[in-house]
Amino acid sequence: MVATDGFLGEPSRPQLVRIDVPLVRLPAALDGFTIAQLSDFHYDEEFTIVPIRKAIEMVNGLRPDLIALTGDFVTIPAFADYIDTAKWGAHAAEPCAEILSQLRSRLGSFAILGNHDTDSDAPRVIHALQSRGMTILENRAVPIEQAGKRLWLAGIADALVGKPDLEGTLRQVPVGEPVVLLAHEPDFADEASKHAVDLQLSGHSHGGQVRFPIVGAPFLPELARKYPWGLYHVKAMTLYTNAGLGTIRLPIRFNAPPEVTLFTLKATG
C-alpha cells in the first residue's frame, strides 16, 4: 500500500504551503504582497501533467500578486551522452509553456531556467515561455512598483551549468531597495547571502523525492544538499527551497509531496 501510494498517489497531490516572510527592507506599501512559487515541472504527458494541472488550479484560486517559476520545465533524457540527445529533452518546452500560460496573477509569471533547461536547449525553452507571456529573468532584475515604492525581482542563470552573474544583476538595483532572488539551486544561498538579497526562492531538490524517517533523502542533487527543502535563514537572508511538482527518472514521491508555495511578504520597519 505504501509503495502504491508513492507511485500513484503522492506524486499527483500537490500540497499548499503558506509562509509569511518578514523583510526588514520591505516598504510598508508592499506589506501583504503575495508570491506563488512553482518549480521543477519536468513536464511529460503521462505523469507530471497531473500535478501541474492541479497546481495551476490551486494558484489561480489564490489570486497572488505575482508567480515565480523556478526552473526545470523539461528533462534531459537519462544517459544523454551527446548534444542531440540532450536537446531532445527540450521537446517538452512548448506543451509545458502552453499549460503554464493558464496561470493567472495580478502582475504575471516570471521564470528562470534550471539545469535541465540550460543543458538541453535553453533558447528553445526561453522562446516557448516568452512567446506565451512569461518573463524570463536571466541575470536580470525588474522593479515591482506599488504606491510609489519598489520591490525588485531578480533572477540568475543556472548555477550548475549556466553563467550566473549575481553582481551584474544586482547592479541594476538601487541601494537600499529590497530584492527577491530566483535561483534554481538552493545552495547558491551561500553566495547570495553575501550580497543585498532579502529572500531567495529555489527548487532543484524535489525535496529529495523519496524521504525515509530518520534517514531522510538517500539522494540529493549537487547544490541542493545543504538546504534541500523548506525555510532557512542564511546570514541576514531568508531562503526557501520548494519541493517542486514533477519527478525525474521514476514517477515516485514518498514523504516529499509536490508543492505550491504562497509567500506573503511582511514589512517589519
Protein backbone atom coordinates (compact mmCIF):
# COMPACT_ATOMS: atom_id res chain seq x y z
CA MET A 1 0.00 0.00 0.00
CA VAL A 2 2.80 2.44 0.85
CA ALA A 3 4.66 1.67 -2.38
CA THR A 4 1.46 2.02 -4.41
CA ASP A 5 0.67 5.40 -2.86
CA GLY A 6 4.22 6.60 -3.53
CA PHE A 7 3.80 5.71 -7.19
CA LEU A 8 0.18 6.66 -7.88
CA GLY A 9 -0.97 8.89 -5.05
CA GLU A 10 1.57 11.27 -3.56
CA PRO A 11 3.16 12.42 -6.87
CA SER A 12 -0.23 13.63 -8.11
CA ARG A 13 -1.35 15.53 -4.99
CA PRO A 14 0.34 18.93 -4.62
CA GLN A 15 0.18 20.47 -1.18
CA LEU A 16 -0.22 24.17 -0.50
CA VAL A 17 2.36 25.68 1.85
CA ARG A 18 1.65 29.22 3.12
CA ILE A 19 4.55 31.20 4.57
CA ASP A 20 4.70 34.72 5.97
CA VAL A 21 8.12 36.25 5.29
CA PRO A 22 9.12 39.34 7.31
CA LEU A 23 11.56 41.55 5.40
CA VAL A 24 13.29 44.43 7.15
CA ARG A 25 13.75 46.47 3.95
CA LEU A 26 10.22 45.94 2.58
CA PRO A 27 8.31 49.24 2.30
CA ALA A 28 5.00 49.43 4.16
CA ALA A 29 3.27 49.99 0.80
CA LEU A 30 4.21 46.41 -0.17
CA ASP A 31 3.17 44.79 3.10
CA GLY A 32 0.99 41.79 2.27
CA PHE A 33 2.41 41.33 -1.26
CA THR A 34 1.98 37.70 -2.33
CA ILE A 35 4.17 35.47 -4.48
CA ALA A 36 3.16 31.97 -5.58
CA GLN A 37 6.12 29.71 -6.36
CA LEU A 38 6.07 26.66 -8.62
CA SER A 39 9.19 24.70 -9.53
CA ASP A 40 10.68 21.62 -11.21
CA PHE A 41 7.89 20.71 -13.60
CA HIS A 42 9.80 18.11 -15.65
CA TYR A 43 6.83 18.08 -18.00
CA ASP A 44 5.57 14.84 -19.51
CA GLU A 45 2.16 13.87 -20.87
CA GLU A 46 1.60 10.89 -18.57
CA PHE A 47 2.68 11.72 -15.04
CA THR A 48 3.75 15.26 -14.23
CA ILE A 49 0.92 16.85 -16.20
CA VAL A 50 -1.44 15.75 -13.40
CA PRO A 51 0.16 17.68 -10.50
CA ILE A 52 0.88 20.61 -12.83
CA ARG A 53 -2.81 20.93 -13.71
CA LYS A 54 -3.82 20.71 -10.06
CA ALA A 55 -1.20 23.28 -9.09
CA ILE A 56 -2.45 25.73 -11.72
CA GLU A 57 -5.99 25.43 -10.41
CA MET A 58 -4.71 25.94 -6.87
CA VAL A 59 -2.65 29.03 -7.75
CA ASN A 60 -5.44 30.64 -9.75
CA GLY A 61 -7.72 30.23 -6.75
CA LEU A 62 -5.19 32.04 -4.57
CA ARG A 63 -5.05 35.14 -6.81
CA PRO A 64 -1.43 36.00 -6.00
CA ASP A 65 0.18 39.28 -6.93
CA LEU A 66 2.97 37.51 -8.82
CA ILE A 67 4.02 33.99 -9.82
CA ALA A 68 7.63 32.76 -9.65
CA LEU A 69 8.62 29.74 -11.75
CA THR A 70 12.00 28.49 -10.57
CA GLY A 71 13.15 26.23 -13.37
CA ASP A 72 13.42 22.73 -14.82
CA PHE A 73 10.49 22.86 -17.20
CA VAL A 74 11.95 19.94 -19.20
CA THR A 75 14.09 16.88 -18.51
CA ILE A 76 17.32 15.73 -20.11
CA PRO A 77 16.92 12.06 -21.07
CA ALA A 78 18.70 9.53 -18.91
CA PHE A 79 22.16 8.61 -20.21
CA ALA A 80 22.25 11.55 -22.61
CA ASP A 81 25.81 11.36 -23.94
CA TYR A 82 25.83 13.76 -26.87
CA ILE A 83 24.29 17.08 -27.78
CA ASP A 84 21.37 15.85 -29.89
CA THR A 85 20.21 13.50 -27.14
CA ALA A 86 20.28 16.31 -24.58
CA LYS A 87 18.46 18.67 -26.92
CA TRP A 88 15.69 16.14 -27.41
CA GLY A 89 14.64 16.81 -23.83
CA ALA A 90 13.52 20.31 -24.85
CA HIS A 91 10.66 18.86 -26.92
CA ALA A 92 8.54 19.30 -23.78
CA ALA A 93 9.15 23.06 -23.65
CA GLU A 94 6.17 24.04 -25.79
CA PRO A 95 3.48 21.90 -24.10
CA CYS A 96 4.84 22.85 -20.68
CA ALA A 97 4.76 26.55 -21.52
CA GLU A 98 1.29 26.18 -23.01
CA ILE A 99 -0.22 24.73 -19.86
CA LEU A 100 1.64 27.22 -17.63
CA SER A 101 0.19 30.06 -19.69
CA GLN A 102 -3.08 29.27 -17.91
CA LEU A 103 -1.64 30.67 -14.66
CA ARG A 104 -3.26 33.91 -13.53
CA SER A 105 -1.91 36.62 -11.22
CA ARG A 106 -2.08 40.39 -10.96
CA LEU A 107 1.43 41.01 -12.34
CA GLY A 108 2.12 37.85 -14.35
CA SER A 109 4.59 34.97 -14.27
CA PHE A 110 8.37 35.35 -14.02
CA ALA A 111 10.73 32.45 -14.74
CA ILE A 112 14.33 31.32 -14.55
CA LEU A 113 15.92 28.28 -16.16
CA GLY A 114 17.08 25.20 -14.28
CA ASN A 115 19.97 22.90 -15.07
CA HIS A 116 17.86 20.62 -17.28
CA ASP A 117 16.57 23.58 -19.29
CA THR A 118 20.06 25.01 -19.71
CA ASP A 119 21.68 21.71 -20.57
CA SER A 120 19.04 20.76 -23.15
CA ASP A 121 18.15 23.64 -25.48
CA ALA A 122 17.97 26.88 -23.49
CA PRO A 123 16.95 29.14 -26.41
CA ARG A 124 14.03 26.85 -27.23
CA VAL A 125 12.85 26.77 -23.60
CA ILE A 126 13.16 30.56 -23.31
CA HIS A 127 11.25 31.14 -26.56
CA ALA A 128 8.48 28.74 -25.52
CA LEU A 129 7.95 30.59 -22.24
CA GLN A 130 8.32 34.13 -23.58
CA SER A 131 6.01 33.53 -26.53
CA ARG A 132 3.30 32.53 -24.06
CA GLY A 133 3.59 35.62 -21.94
CA MET A 134 6.10 34.67 -19.24
CA THR A 135 9.01 36.96 -18.38
CA ILE A 136 12.48 35.38 -18.25
CA LEU A 137 14.91 36.68 -15.66
CA GLU A 138 18.34 35.60 -16.89
CA ASN A 139 20.84 37.66 -14.87
CA ARG A 140 18.23 40.39 -14.80
CA ALA A 141 16.24 42.36 -12.23
CA VAL A 142 12.88 44.06 -12.71
CA PRO A 143 11.12 46.53 -10.39
CA ILE A 144 7.73 45.79 -8.88
CA GLU A 145 6.10 49.10 -8.03
CA GLN A 146 3.20 49.76 -5.68
CA ALA A 147 2.04 53.07 -4.24
CA GLY A 148 5.30 54.71 -5.31
CA LYS A 149 7.53 52.13 -3.58
CA ARG A 150 9.55 49.31 -5.12
CA LEU A 151 10.49 45.69 -4.66
CA TRP A 152 12.95 44.13 -7.09
CA LEU A 153 12.51 40.66 -8.53
CA ALA A 154 15.84 39.26 -9.76
CA GLY A 155 16.81 36.02 -11.44
CA ILE A 156 20.12 34.41 -12.29
CA ALA A 157 21.27 31.87 -14.85
CA ASP A 158 21.59 28.32 -13.58
CA ALA A 159 24.41 27.97 -11.06
CA LEU A 160 25.35 24.41 -12.05
CA VAL A 161 25.63 24.59 -15.82
CA GLY A 162 24.92 28.22 -16.72
CA LYS A 163 26.74 31.51 -16.17
CA PRO A 164 25.15 33.24 -13.20
CA ASP A 165 26.11 36.88 -12.71
CA LEU A 166 24.68 37.98 -9.40
CA GLU A 167 26.85 41.06 -9.07
CA GLY A 168 25.87 42.28 -12.52
CA THR A 169 22.22 41.54 -11.82
CA LEU A 170 22.21 43.48 -8.55
CA ARG A 171 23.92 46.50 -10.12
CA GLN A 172 20.52 47.20 -11.66
CA VAL A 173 19.02 47.66 -8.16
CA PRO A 174 19.29 51.00 -6.31
CA VAL A 175 20.98 50.79 -2.91
CA GLY A 176 18.59 50.07 -0.06
CA GLU A 177 15.72 48.62 -2.09
CA PRO A 178 14.57 45.05 -1.28
CA VAL A 179 15.38 42.12 -3.56
CA VAL A 180 13.70 38.74 -4.06
CA LEU A 181 16.08 36.45 -5.97
CA LEU A 182 15.07 33.44 -8.07
CA ALA A 183 17.94 30.94 -8.14
CA HIS A 184 17.29 27.35 -9.19
CA GLU A 185 19.83 25.70 -6.88
CA PRO A 186 19.23 26.40 -3.17
CA ASP A 187 22.85 26.05 -2.07
CA PHE A 188 23.60 29.17 -4.11
CA ALA A 189 22.30 30.89 -0.97
CA ASP A 190 25.80 30.84 0.49
CA GLU A 191 26.86 33.17 -2.31
CA ALA A 192 23.64 35.22 -2.45
CA SER A 193 23.75 35.91 1.28
CA LYS A 194 26.99 37.86 0.78
CA HIS A 195 25.01 40.42 -1.22
CA ALA A 196 22.00 42.68 -0.70
CA VAL A 197 19.41 39.93 -1.23
CA ASP A 198 16.47 39.70 1.16
CA LEU A 199 14.77 36.48 0.02
CA GLN A 200 15.94 33.66 -2.26
CA LEU A 201 13.43 31.26 -3.82
CA SER A 202 14.80 27.96 -5.15
CA GLY A 203 13.86 24.44 -6.20
CA HIS A 204 16.05 21.73 -7.77
CA SER A 205 15.98 19.20 -4.92
CA HIS A 206 12.43 17.82 -5.33
CA GLY A 207 12.62 17.63 -1.53
CA GLY A 208 14.67 14.52 -2.13
CA GLN A 209 11.69 12.96 -3.96
CA VAL A 210 11.92 9.96 -1.62
CA ARG A 211 12.50 10.56 2.09
CA PHE A 212 12.67 7.96 4.85
CA PRO A 213 12.04 8.60 8.55
CA ILE A 214 15.23 9.47 10.47
CA VAL A 215 17.44 8.78 7.42
CA GLY A 216 15.93 11.48 5.22
CA ALA A 217 16.59 11.57 1.47
CA PRO A 218 19.08 8.94 0.25
CA PHE A 219 19.92 11.12 -2.76
CA LEU A 220 20.06 14.87 -3.25
CA PRO A 221 21.46 16.61 -6.34
CA GLU A 222 24.54 18.80 -6.33
CA LEU A 223 23.90 22.28 -4.92
CA ALA A 224 20.79 21.05 -3.06
CA ARG A 225 22.44 19.12 -0.23
CA LYS A 226 22.84 21.88 2.33
CA TYR A 227 19.38 23.44 2.04
CA PRO A 228 17.25 20.64 0.50
CA TRP A 229 13.70 21.62 1.46
CA GLY A 230 11.88 24.27 3.40
CA LEU A 231 12.67 27.54 5.13
CA TYR A 232 16.18 28.61 6.12
CA HIS A 233 17.97 31.71 7.33
CA VAL A 234 21.39 32.20 5.75
CA LYS A 235 23.08 35.15 7.42
CA ALA A 236 20.60 38.01 7.05
CA MET A 237 18.86 36.41 4.05
CA THR A 238 15.78 34.18 4.04
CA LEU A 239 15.82 31.13 1.76
CA TYR A 240 13.01 28.83 0.75
CA THR A 241 13.51 25.57 -1.16
CA ASN A 242 10.36 24.37 -2.89
CA ALA A 243 9.87 20.60 -3.32
CA GLY A 244 8.75 21.01 -6.93
CA LEU A 245 5.86 19.49 -8.87
CA GLY A 246 7.41 16.93 -11.15
CA THR A 247 9.58 13.87 -10.76
CA ILE A 248 12.69 12.72 -12.53
CA ARG A 249 13.64 9.26 -13.83
CA LEU A 250 10.86 7.49 -11.85
CA PRO A 251 7.40 8.96 -11.17
CA ILE A 252 7.71 8.31 -7.45
CA ARG A 253 7.48 10.51 -4.37
CA PHE A 254 7.48 9.37 -0.77
CA ASN A 255 7.28 11.79 2.17
CA ALA A 256 8.10 14.58 -0.29
CA PRO A 257 4.80 15.64 -1.88
CA PRO A 258 4.68 18.08 -4.79
CA GLU A 259 4.28 21.65 -3.64
CA VAL A 260 2.78 25.05 -4.32
CA THR A 261 4.17 27.73 -2.02
CA LEU A 262 2.42 31.02 -1.29
CA PHE A 263 4.60 33.69 0.29
CA THR A 264 3.11 36.75 1.96
CA LEU A 265 5.74 39.44 2.42
CA LYS A 266 5.56 41.40 5.66
CA ALA A 267 7.09 44.82 6.32
CA THR A 268 8.86 45.00 9.68
CA GLY A 269 10.26 48.53 9.56
